[in-house]
N, C-alpha and C. Protein backbone atom coordinates (compact mmCIF):
# COMPACT_ATOMS: atom_id res chain seq x y z
N MET A 1 -39.77 -13.14 -22.22
CA MET A 1 -39.13 -13.39 -20.91
C MET A 1 -37.88 -14.18 -20.76
N LYS A 2 -37.55 -15.12 -21.38
CA LYS A 2 -36.41 -15.69 -21.47
C LYS A 2 -35.03 -14.84 -21.42
N LYS A 3 -35.31 -14.00 -22.85
CA LYS A 3 -34.09 -13.04 -23.09
C LYS A 3 -33.82 -11.98 -21.98
N LEU A 4 -34.92 -11.49 -21.57
CA LEU A 4 -34.66 -10.36 -20.51
C LEU A 4 -34.32 -11.00 -19.33
N ILE A 5 -34.40 -12.32 -19.00
CA ILE A 5 -34.05 -13.07 -17.69
C ILE A 5 -32.21 -13.16 -18.42
N ALA A 6 -32.14 -13.95 -19.47
CA ALA A 6 -30.85 -13.74 -19.35
C ALA A 6 -30.02 -12.80 -19.60
N GLY A 7 -30.40 -11.25 -20.49
CA GLY A 7 -30.07 -10.12 -20.53
C GLY A 7 -29.58 -9.77 -18.94
N ALA A 8 -30.39 -9.87 -17.77
CA ALA A 8 -30.20 -9.20 -17.32
C ALA A 8 -29.28 -10.44 -15.98
N VAL A 9 -29.24 -11.57 -15.91
CA VAL A 9 -28.26 -12.26 -15.62
C VAL A 9 -26.92 -11.90 -16.13
N MET A 10 -26.43 -11.44 -17.68
CA MET A 10 -25.64 -11.32 -18.38
C MET A 10 -25.09 -10.39 -17.64
N LEU A 11 -25.70 -8.93 -17.60
CA LEU A 11 -25.57 -7.68 -17.13
C LEU A 11 -24.64 -7.87 -15.72
N SER A 12 -25.79 -8.36 -14.87
CA SER A 12 -24.90 -8.71 -13.34
C SER A 12 -23.58 -9.34 -13.79
N LEU A 13 -23.52 -10.39 -14.63
CA LEU A 13 -21.85 -11.41 -14.61
C LEU A 13 -21.11 -10.04 -15.02
N PHE A 14 -21.55 -9.12 -15.92
CA PHE A 14 -20.55 -8.35 -16.30
C PHE A 14 -20.14 -6.94 -15.47
N SER A 15 -21.27 -6.81 -14.29
CA SER A 15 -20.53 -5.55 -13.20
C SER A 15 -19.89 -6.65 -12.38
N PHE A 16 -20.34 -7.33 -12.29
CA PHE A 16 -19.70 -8.37 -11.23
C PHE A 16 -18.02 -8.47 -11.86
N SER A 17 -17.76 -9.09 -13.12
CA SER A 17 -16.76 -9.26 -13.36
C SER A 17 -15.72 -7.89 -13.54
N LEU A 18 -16.33 -6.68 -13.87
CA LEU A 18 -15.86 -5.25 -13.50
C LEU A 18 -15.56 -4.73 -12.32
N MET A 19 -16.55 -4.99 -11.71
CA MET A 19 -15.67 -4.59 -9.78
C MET A 19 -14.98 -5.43 -9.77
N ALA A 20 -14.64 -6.72 -10.05
CA ALA A 20 -13.42 -7.57 -9.63
C ALA A 20 -12.30 -6.88 -9.91
N GLN A 21 -12.20 -6.54 -11.49
CA GLN A 21 -10.93 -6.27 -12.29
C GLN A 21 -10.89 -4.90 -11.43
N GLN A 22 -11.22 -3.83 -10.87
CA GLN A 22 -11.30 -2.74 -10.62
C GLN A 22 -10.81 -3.07 -8.94
N ASN A 23 -11.20 -4.02 -8.22
CA ASN A 23 -10.27 -4.57 -7.08
C ASN A 23 -9.21 -5.11 -7.37
N LYS A 24 -9.09 -5.34 -8.37
CA LYS A 24 -7.15 -6.08 -8.92
C LYS A 24 -6.09 -4.93 -8.95
N LYS A 25 -7.25 -3.62 -9.24
CA LYS A 25 -6.14 -2.91 -9.73
C LYS A 25 -6.42 -1.44 -8.93
N ALA A 26 -5.75 -1.61 -7.36
CA ALA A 26 -6.49 -0.68 -6.55
C ALA A 26 -4.85 0.25 -6.41
N GLU A 27 -5.68 1.39 -6.22
CA GLU A 27 -3.95 2.20 -6.16
C GLU A 27 -4.25 3.18 -4.42
N ILE A 28 -3.02 3.40 -3.77
CA ILE A 28 -3.12 4.55 -2.78
C ILE A 28 -1.98 4.88 -2.48
N ASN A 29 -1.78 5.96 -1.68
CA ASN A 29 -0.59 7.38 -1.45
C ASN A 29 -1.04 6.95 0.12
N ILE A 30 0.40 6.77 0.65
CA ILE A 30 0.32 6.49 2.25
C ILE A 30 1.67 7.63 2.51
N ALA A 31 1.32 8.47 3.12
CA ALA A 31 1.94 9.66 4.04
C ALA A 31 3.38 8.99 4.85
N THR A 32 4.18 9.00 4.60
CA THR A 32 5.45 8.20 5.89
C THR A 32 6.61 9.04 6.32
N SER A 33 7.29 8.71 7.37
CA SER A 33 8.23 8.96 7.90
C SER A 33 9.57 8.94 7.18
N ALA A 34 9.70 8.37 6.25
CA ALA A 34 10.51 8.01 5.30
C ALA A 34 11.92 9.51 5.05
N GLU A 35 12.98 9.35 5.21
CA GLU A 35 14.32 10.16 5.06
C GLU A 35 14.77 10.73 3.99
N CYS A 36 15.59 9.52 3.13
CA CYS A 36 16.66 9.69 2.72
C CYS A 36 16.56 8.10 1.60
N THR A 37 17.56 8.06 0.57
CA THR A 37 17.86 6.94 -0.36
C THR A 37 17.33 5.48 0.45
N MET A 38 18.25 5.45 2.03
CA MET A 38 18.30 4.10 2.44
C MET A 38 16.89 4.41 2.87
N CYS A 39 16.11 5.03 3.52
CA CYS A 39 14.97 4.98 3.41
C CYS A 39 13.76 4.10 2.44
N LYS A 40 14.38 4.93 1.04
CA LYS A 40 13.54 4.89 -0.04
C LYS A 40 13.32 3.33 -0.21
N LYS A 41 14.75 2.48 -0.40
CA LYS A 41 15.03 1.21 -0.75
C LYS A 41 14.41 0.21 -0.15
N ALA A 42 14.48 0.52 1.80
CA ALA A 42 13.97 -0.45 2.56
C ALA A 42 12.27 -0.63 2.72
N LEU A 43 12.29 1.00 2.35
CA LEU A 43 10.00 1.17 2.28
C LEU A 43 9.64 0.03 1.22
N GLU A 44 10.32 0.59 -0.35
CA GLU A 44 10.21 0.13 -1.64
C GLU A 44 10.23 -1.79 -1.21
N THR A 45 11.29 -1.89 -0.64
CA THR A 45 11.74 -3.34 -0.90
C THR A 45 10.29 -4.34 0.02
N ALA A 46 10.29 -3.37 1.25
CA ALA A 46 9.54 -4.09 1.88
C ALA A 46 8.13 -4.48 1.43
N LEU A 47 7.64 -3.62 0.77
CA LEU A 47 6.22 -3.53 0.20
C LEU A 47 6.15 -4.28 -1.33
N LEU A 48 7.20 -4.68 -1.66
CA LEU A 48 7.64 -5.01 -3.18
C LEU A 48 7.29 -6.48 -2.60
N HIS A 49 7.70 -6.63 -1.45
CA HIS A 49 7.89 -8.65 -0.94
C HIS A 49 6.41 -8.92 -0.44
N GLN A 50 5.56 -8.17 -0.63
CA GLN A 50 4.49 -8.45 -0.04
C GLN A 50 3.56 -9.33 -1.46
N HIS A 51 2.83 -9.90 -0.21
CA HIS A 51 1.67 -10.62 -1.64
C HIS A 51 0.72 -10.02 -1.77
N GLY A 52 0.87 -9.45 -3.59
CA GLY A 52 -0.56 -8.50 -4.22
C GLY A 52 0.16 -7.26 -4.20
N VAL A 53 1.11 -6.83 -3.70
CA VAL A 53 1.64 -4.98 -3.95
C VAL A 53 2.36 -5.51 -5.43
N LYS A 54 2.31 -4.47 -6.44
CA LYS A 54 2.51 -4.93 -7.87
C LYS A 54 3.59 -3.66 -8.04
N PHE A 55 3.03 -2.33 -7.35
CA PHE A 55 4.01 -1.62 -7.40
C PHE A 55 4.45 -0.32 -6.49
N ALA A 56 5.69 -0.18 -5.86
CA ALA A 56 5.85 0.89 -5.21
C ALA A 56 6.79 2.18 -5.19
N LYS A 57 6.52 3.23 -5.12
CA LYS A 57 7.57 4.00 -5.36
C LYS A 57 7.00 5.77 -4.13
N LEU A 58 8.08 5.89 -3.52
CA LEU A 58 8.61 6.67 -2.62
C LEU A 58 9.07 7.84 -3.17
N ASP A 59 8.08 9.18 -2.98
CA ASP A 59 8.62 10.39 -3.89
C ASP A 59 9.58 10.92 -2.07
N LEU A 60 10.59 11.06 -1.96
CA LEU A 60 11.16 11.58 -1.20
C LEU A 60 11.14 13.34 -0.73
N ASN A 61 10.84 13.74 -2.39
CA ASN A 61 10.50 15.31 -1.51
C ASN A 61 9.08 15.14 -0.52
N THR A 62 8.14 14.38 -0.83
CA THR A 62 6.66 14.47 -0.32
C THR A 62 6.63 13.64 0.44
N ARG A 63 7.43 12.67 0.87
CA ARG A 63 7.30 11.12 1.94
C ARG A 63 6.33 10.86 1.30
N VAL A 64 5.79 10.96 0.23
CA VAL A 64 4.32 9.94 0.14
C VAL A 64 4.92 8.47 -0.86
N VAL A 65 4.31 7.44 -0.37
CA VAL A 65 4.42 6.48 -1.68
C VAL A 65 3.52 5.64 -1.84
N ALA A 66 3.40 5.86 -3.06
CA ALA A 66 2.47 5.44 -4.29
C ALA A 66 2.64 3.86 -4.38
N ILE A 67 1.30 2.98 -4.54
CA ILE A 67 1.25 1.50 -4.21
C ILE A 67 -0.12 1.55 -5.14
N LYS A 68 0.71 0.72 -5.75
CA LYS A 68 -0.55 -0.39 -6.58
C LYS A 68 -0.62 -1.53 -6.11
N TYR A 69 -1.56 -2.27 -5.93
CA TYR A 69 -2.07 -3.06 -5.37
C TYR A 69 -3.24 -4.20 -5.82
N ASN A 70 -3.46 -5.52 -5.86
CA ASN A 70 -4.32 -6.21 -6.06
C ASN A 70 -5.08 -6.22 -5.06
N GLY A 71 -6.55 -5.40 -4.72
CA GLY A 71 -7.29 -5.49 -3.70
C GLY A 71 -7.85 -6.97 -3.26
N GLU A 72 -7.70 -7.41 -4.01
CA GLU A 72 -8.18 -9.33 -3.56
C GLU A 72 -7.02 -10.05 -2.76
N LYS A 73 -6.01 -9.45 -2.74
CA LYS A 73 -4.84 -9.91 -1.98
C LYS A 73 -4.52 -9.08 -0.94
N ILE A 74 -4.63 -8.31 -0.69
CA ILE A 74 -4.08 -6.96 0.39
C ILE A 74 -4.85 -5.79 0.47
N THR A 75 -4.90 -5.33 1.71
CA THR A 75 -5.56 -4.35 1.87
C THR A 75 -4.76 -3.24 2.23
N PRO A 76 -5.45 -1.77 2.20
CA PRO A 76 -4.83 -0.49 2.73
C PRO A 76 -4.08 -0.70 4.27
N GLU A 77 -5.00 -1.63 4.84
CA GLU A 77 -5.07 -1.24 6.60
C GLU A 77 -3.67 -2.37 6.50
N THR A 78 -3.39 -3.53 5.64
CA THR A 78 -2.50 -4.31 5.68
C THR A 78 -0.98 -3.92 5.28
N ILE A 79 -1.09 -2.70 4.03
CA ILE A 79 -0.15 -2.14 3.63
C ILE A 79 0.41 -1.32 4.21
N ARG A 80 -0.58 -0.49 5.57
CA ARG A 80 -0.17 0.66 6.20
C ARG A 80 1.14 -0.07 7.55
N GLN A 81 0.23 -1.24 7.84
CA GLN A 81 0.95 -2.05 8.61
C GLN A 81 2.31 -2.67 8.38
N VAL A 82 2.45 -3.09 7.01
CA VAL A 82 3.85 -3.62 6.84
C VAL A 82 4.77 -2.11 6.55
N ILE A 83 4.46 -0.97 6.28
CA ILE A 83 4.83 0.06 6.61
C ILE A 83 5.19 0.60 7.89
N SER A 84 4.61 0.57 8.67
CA SER A 84 4.73 0.14 10.37
C SER A 84 6.15 -0.48 10.45
N ASN A 85 5.67 -1.86 10.41
CA ASN A 85 6.41 -3.02 10.57
C ASN A 85 8.01 -2.60 10.22
N ALA A 86 8.18 -2.10 9.03
CA ALA A 86 9.72 -1.78 8.36
C ALA A 86 10.22 -0.54 9.09
N GLY A 87 9.39 -0.16 10.01
CA GLY A 87 10.02 1.45 10.93
C GLY A 87 9.43 2.84 10.88
N TYR A 88 8.78 2.83 9.91
CA TYR A 88 8.08 4.07 9.41
C TYR A 88 6.57 4.38 9.23
N ASP A 89 6.31 5.67 9.64
CA ASP A 89 4.96 6.17 9.99
C ASP A 89 4.13 5.51 8.40
N ALA A 90 2.92 5.51 8.97
CA ALA A 90 2.29 5.27 7.85
C ALA A 90 0.58 5.89 7.90
N ASP A 91 0.64 7.20 7.39
CA ASP A 91 -0.63 7.91 7.39
C ASP A 91 -0.63 8.25 9.40
N SER A 92 -1.63 7.78 9.84
CA SER A 92 -1.74 7.94 11.24
C SER A 92 -1.61 6.85 11.65
N ILE A 93 -1.08 5.53 11.50
CA ILE A 93 -0.07 4.51 11.88
C ILE A 93 1.23 5.12 12.38
N LYS A 94 1.25 4.68 13.47
CA LYS A 94 3.01 4.92 13.88
C LYS A 94 3.63 4.04 13.73
N ALA A 95 5.05 4.19 13.51
CA ALA A 95 6.24 3.20 13.38
C ALA A 95 6.02 2.16 14.29
N ASN A 96 6.44 0.90 14.01
CA ASN A 96 6.63 0.21 15.26
C ASN A 96 8.22 0.60 15.66
N PRO A 97 8.07 0.62 17.26
CA PRO A 97 8.92 1.12 17.69
C PRO A 97 10.22 0.34 17.68
N GLU A 98 9.97 -0.82 17.64
CA GLU A 98 11.34 -1.88 17.88
C GLU A 98 11.81 -1.89 16.50
N ALA A 99 11.34 -1.81 15.06
CA ALA A 99 11.57 -1.36 13.91
C ALA A 99 12.31 -0.11 13.72
N PHE A 100 11.60 0.57 14.26
CA PHE A 100 12.39 1.55 14.36
C PHE A 100 13.54 2.04 14.80
N GLU A 101 14.02 1.51 16.03
CA GLU A 101 15.35 1.86 16.71
C GLU A 101 16.37 1.28 16.05
N LYS A 102 15.76 0.13 15.23
CA LYS A 102 16.88 -0.59 14.32
C LYS A 102 17.20 -0.05 12.79
N LEU A 103 16.63 1.10 12.74
CA LEU A 103 16.70 1.78 11.56
C LEU A 103 18.41 2.59 11.77
N PRO A 104 19.27 2.72 10.80
CA PRO A 104 19.87 3.59 10.53
C PRO A 104 19.60 5.23 11.14
N ASP A 105 20.38 5.75 11.87
CA ASP A 105 20.45 7.40 12.15
C ASP A 105 19.86 8.15 11.44
N CYS A 106 20.38 7.93 9.66
CA CYS A 106 19.89 8.86 9.01
C CYS A 106 18.38 8.88 8.57
N CYS A 107 17.70 8.02 8.84
CA CYS A 107 16.57 7.34 8.85
C CYS A 107 15.43 7.74 9.66
N LYS A 108 16.29 8.32 11.00
CA LYS A 108 15.56 8.57 12.14
C LYS A 108 15.31 10.30 12.55
N ASN A 109 15.93 10.56 11.40
CA ASN A 109 15.84 12.26 11.46
C ASN A 109 14.77 12.88 11.30
N GLY A 110 13.67 12.34 10.53
CA GLY A 110 12.55 12.70 10.18
C GLY A 110 11.12 12.43 10.91
N ALA A 111 11.57 11.55 11.95
CA ALA A 111 10.48 10.94 13.01
C ALA A 111 10.39 11.78 14.30
N LEU A 112 9.74 12.63 14.26
CA LEU A 112 9.74 13.86 15.35
C LEU A 112 8.83 12.87 16.20
N HIS A 113 8.33 11.89 16.48
CA HIS A 113 7.41 10.94 17.42
C HIS A 113 8.02 10.61 18.39
N HIS A 114 8.94 9.97 17.58
CA HIS A 114 10.15 8.76 18.75
C HIS A 114 11.25 9.61 19.56
């Protein structure tokens, strides 16, 4: 009986550890309104300065930013808000209007909602 209980405890600890590891290695793709290389640099820099973001790369052809992050330190909602606060749309979240107005003109071309 003790072996059975010890085995169940070990299994649950292993499962918890595995879930924690997966949460630390989360990935997300977010559609943006980014237009040019200036947008790419600004957006990637803003994301990489966030605690928990490990990788951020914007594909200018698709306007999708691929992000790898630690899910224990930052959430997808927070990541979208960071993008919005940088002046760009993030999926259904619209760009922060004040941040958008500060963008160079070339970066505003693809944002039809403003």
